[in-house]
Amino acid sequence: NYGGRVMSGTGKEYGEIMREIRMANEPQRITYAANKIRALGFEPKYNEGNKGLEFIFNNELVLFYPWTGWATGKSIKDGRGLNHLIKQIKSHDNRN
């Protein structure tokens, strides 16, 4: 916790700077992750409320949060990283 400290030379608090960074970069992360998941044959939907991508994998809902890289769901092992999620999907896809 930076306790409202102002970042040197910016005149802005740390939290404000981090929000600006997230707002600038999150759309690209969402698009990139959605395209990677779509390339595997899934149809991810963006949930504005929790800022995550949702899709069905092995008949269960999977949530992926592009900003943090966190993935969770009953049909996967929770973990961080899009590549980690993609590896799980490729090795446990029961659609065939």
C-alpha atoms as a PDB file:
ATOM      1  CA  ASN A   1       0.000   0.000   0.000  1.00  0.00           C
ATOM      2  CA  TYR A   2       1.461   3.297  -1.060  1.00  0.00           C
ATOM      3  CA  GLY A   3      -0.803   5.234   1.309  1.00  0.00           C
ATOM      4  CA  GLY A   4      -1.603   7.995  -1.131  1.00  0.00           C
ATOM      5  CA  ARG A   5       2.040   8.768  -1.810  1.00  0.00           C
ATOM      6  CA  VAL A   6       2.673  10.975  -4.788  1.00  0.00           C
ATOM      7  CA  MET A   7       4.977   9.495  -7.398  1.00  0.00           C
ATOM      8  CA  SER A   8       8.082  11.601  -7.844  1.00  0.00           C
ATOM      9  CA  GLY A   9       7.874  14.121 -10.646  1.00  0.00           C
ATOM     10  CA  THR A  10       4.322  13.262 -11.659  1.00  0.00           C
ATOM     11  CA  GLY A  11       2.137  15.031  -9.113  1.00  0.00           C
ATOM     12  CA  LYS A  12      -0.076  11.938  -9.200  1.00  0.00           C
ATOM     13  CA  GLU A  13      -0.748   9.270  -6.604  1.00  0.00           C
ATOM     14  CA  TYR A  14       0.457   5.746  -7.317  1.00  0.00           C
ATOM     15  CA  GLY A  15      -3.093   4.386  -7.583  1.00  0.00           C
ATOM     16  CA  GLU A  16      -4.039   7.012 -10.161  1.00  0.00           C
ATOM     17  CA  ILE A  17      -1.010   6.159 -12.288  1.00  0.00           C
ATOM     18  CA  MET A  18      -1.788   2.438 -12.117  1.00  0.00           C
ATOM     19  CA  ARG A  19      -5.422   3.065 -13.163  1.00  0.00           C
ATOM     20  CA  GLU A  20      -4.200   5.079 -16.153  1.00  0.00           C
ATOM     21  CA  ILE A  21      -1.807   2.303 -17.161  1.00  0.00           C
ATOM     22  CA  ARG A  22      -4.552  -0.295 -16.855  1.00  0.00           C
ATOM     23  CA  MET A  23      -7.046   1.768 -18.850  1.00  0.00           C
ATOM     24  CA  ALA A  24      -4.480   2.250 -21.615  1.00  0.00           C
ATOM     25  CA  ASN A  25      -3.356  -1.386 -21.842  1.00  0.00           C
ATOM     26  CA  GLU A  26      -6.299  -3.548 -20.810  1.00  0.00           C
ATOM     27  CA  PRO A  27      -8.172  -3.383 -24.154  1.00  0.00           C
ATOM     28  CA  GLN A  28      -5.167  -4.828 -25.997  1.00  0.00           C
ATOM     29  CA  ARG A  29      -4.809  -7.624 -23.445  1.00  0.00           C
ATOM     30  CA  ILE A  30      -8.499  -8.480 -23.753  1.00  0.00           C
ATOM     31  CA  THR A  31      -8.306  -8.590 -27.556  1.00  0.00           C
ATOM     32  CA  TYR A  32      -5.104 -10.647 -27.562  1.00  0.00           C
ATOM     33  CA  ALA A  33      -6.443 -13.218 -25.076  1.00  0.00           C
ATOM     34  CA  ALA A  34      -9.833 -13.450 -26.807  1.00  0.00           C
ATOM     35  CA  ASN A  35      -8.139 -14.100 -30.162  1.00  0.00           C
ATOM     36  CA  LYS A  36      -5.914 -16.820 -28.675  1.00  0.00           C
ATOM     37  CA  ILE A  37      -8.893 -18.548 -27.048  1.00  0.00           C
ATOM     38  CA  ARG A  38     -10.972 -18.164 -30.221  1.00  0.00           C
ATOM     39  CA  ALA A  39      -8.148 -19.773 -32.237  1.00  0.00           C
ATOM     40  CA  LEU A  40      -8.673 -22.913 -30.127  1.00  0.00           C
ATOM     41  CA  GLY A  41     -12.297 -23.082 -31.244  1.00  0.00           C
ATOM     42  CA  PHE A  42     -13.990 -21.415 -28.277  1.00  0.00           C
ATOM     43  CA  GLU A  43     -16.144 -18.294 -28.230  1.00  0.00           C
ATOM     44  CA  PRO A  44     -15.043 -16.106 -25.327  1.00  0.00           C
ATOM     45  CA  LYS A  45     -17.400 -13.369 -24.164  1.00  0.00           C
ATOM     46  CA  TYR A  46     -16.207 -10.287 -22.324  1.00  0.00           C
ATOM     47  CA  ASN A  47     -17.915  -9.648 -18.984  1.00  0.00           C
ATOM     48  CA  GLU A  48     -17.750  -5.909 -18.264  1.00  0.00           C
ATOM     49  CA  GLY A  49     -18.752  -6.462 -14.629  1.00  0.00           C
ATOM     50  CA  ASN A  50     -15.754  -8.559 -13.653  1.00  0.00           C
ATOM     51  CA  LYS A  51     -13.530  -7.488 -16.568  1.00  0.00           C
ATOM     52  CA  GLY A  52     -12.946 -11.079 -17.568  1.00  0.00           C
ATOM     53  CA  LEU A  53     -13.368 -13.365 -20.536  1.00  0.00           C
ATOM     54  CA  GLU A  54     -15.825 -16.232 -20.094  1.00  0.00           C
ATOM     55  CA  PHE A  55     -16.105 -19.382 -22.171  1.00  0.00           C
ATOM     56  CA  ILE A  56     -17.247 -22.979 -21.790  1.00  0.00           C
ATOM     57  CA  PHE A  57     -14.578 -25.664 -21.636  1.00  0.00           C
ATOM     58  CA  ASN A  58     -15.527 -29.308 -21.049  1.00  0.00           C
ATOM     59  CA  ASN A  59     -19.082 -28.205 -20.150  1.00  0.00           C
ATOM     60  CA  GLU A  60     -17.891 -25.837 -17.409  1.00  0.00           C
ATOM     61  CA  LEU A  61     -17.509 -22.067 -17.271  1.00  0.00           C
ATOM     62  CA  VAL A  62     -13.930 -20.800 -17.386  1.00  0.00           C
ATOM     63  CA  LEU A  63     -13.026 -17.234 -16.454  1.00  0.00           C
ATOM     64  CA  PHE A  64      -9.841 -15.565 -17.618  1.00  0.00           C
ATOM     65  CA  TYR A  65      -8.857 -12.114 -16.381  1.00  0.00           C
ATOM     66  CA  PRO A  66      -6.536 -10.592 -18.995  1.00  0.00           C
ATOM     67  CA  TRP A  67      -5.141  -7.837 -16.769  1.00  0.00           C
ATOM     68  CA  THR A  68      -3.945 -10.152 -14.007  1.00  0.00           C
ATOM     69  CA  GLY A  69      -3.582 -13.257 -16.147  1.00  0.00           C
ATOM     70  CA  TRP A  70      -5.630 -15.304 -13.680  1.00  0.00           C
ATOM     71  CA  ALA A  71      -7.727 -18.225 -14.949  1.00  0.00           C
ATOM     72  CA  THR A  72     -10.269 -20.138 -12.898  1.00  0.00           C
ATOM     73  CA  GLY A  73     -12.987 -22.721 -13.468  1.00  0.00           C
ATOM     74  CA  LYS A  74     -14.064 -26.250 -12.565  1.00  0.00           C
ATOM     75  CA  SER A  75     -12.637 -27.771 -15.752  1.00  0.00           C
ATOM     76  CA  ILE A  76      -9.133 -26.298 -15.328  1.00  0.00           C
ATOM     77  CA  LYS A  77      -6.514 -25.940 -12.653  1.00  0.00           C
ATOM     78  CA  ASP A  78      -6.595 -22.339 -11.463  1.00  0.00           C
ATOM     79  CA  GLY A  79      -3.447 -20.445 -12.287  1.00  0.00           C
ATOM     80  CA  ARG A  80      -1.798 -17.422 -13.788  1.00  0.00           C
ATOM     81  CA  GLY A  81      -0.869 -16.877 -17.401  1.00  0.00           C
ATOM     82  CA  LEU A  82      -2.599 -17.187 -20.747  1.00  0.00           C
ATOM     83  CA  ASN A  83      -0.026 -19.711 -21.968  1.00  0.00           C
ATOM     84  CA  HIS A  84      -0.694 -21.866 -18.901  1.00  0.00           C
ATOM     85  CA  LEU A  85      -4.415 -21.806 -19.698  1.00  0.00           C
ATOM     86  CA  ILE A  86      -3.849 -22.619 -23.367  1.00  0.00           C
ATOM     87  CA  LYS A  87      -1.631 -25.604 -22.497  1.00  0.00           C
ATOM     88  CA  GLN A  88      -4.347 -26.988 -20.218  1.00  0.00           C
ATOM     89  CA  ILE A  89      -7.001 -26.568 -22.867  1.00  0.00           C
ATOM     90  CA  LYS A  90      -4.879 -28.274 -25.524  1.00  0.00           C
ATOM     91  CA  SER A  91      -4.079 -31.234 -23.265  1.00  0.00           C
ATOM     92  CA  HIS A  92      -7.582 -31.733 -21.798  1.00  0.00           C
ATOM     93  CA  ASP A  93      -9.968 -30.846 -24.608  1.00  0.00           C
ATOM     94  CA  ASN A  94     -12.749 -33.476 -24.635  1.00  0.00           C
ATOM     95  CA  ARG A  95     -14.641 -32.144 -27.661  1.00  0.00           C
ATOM     96  CA  ASN A  96     -13.255 -34.802 -30.022  1.00  0.00           C
END
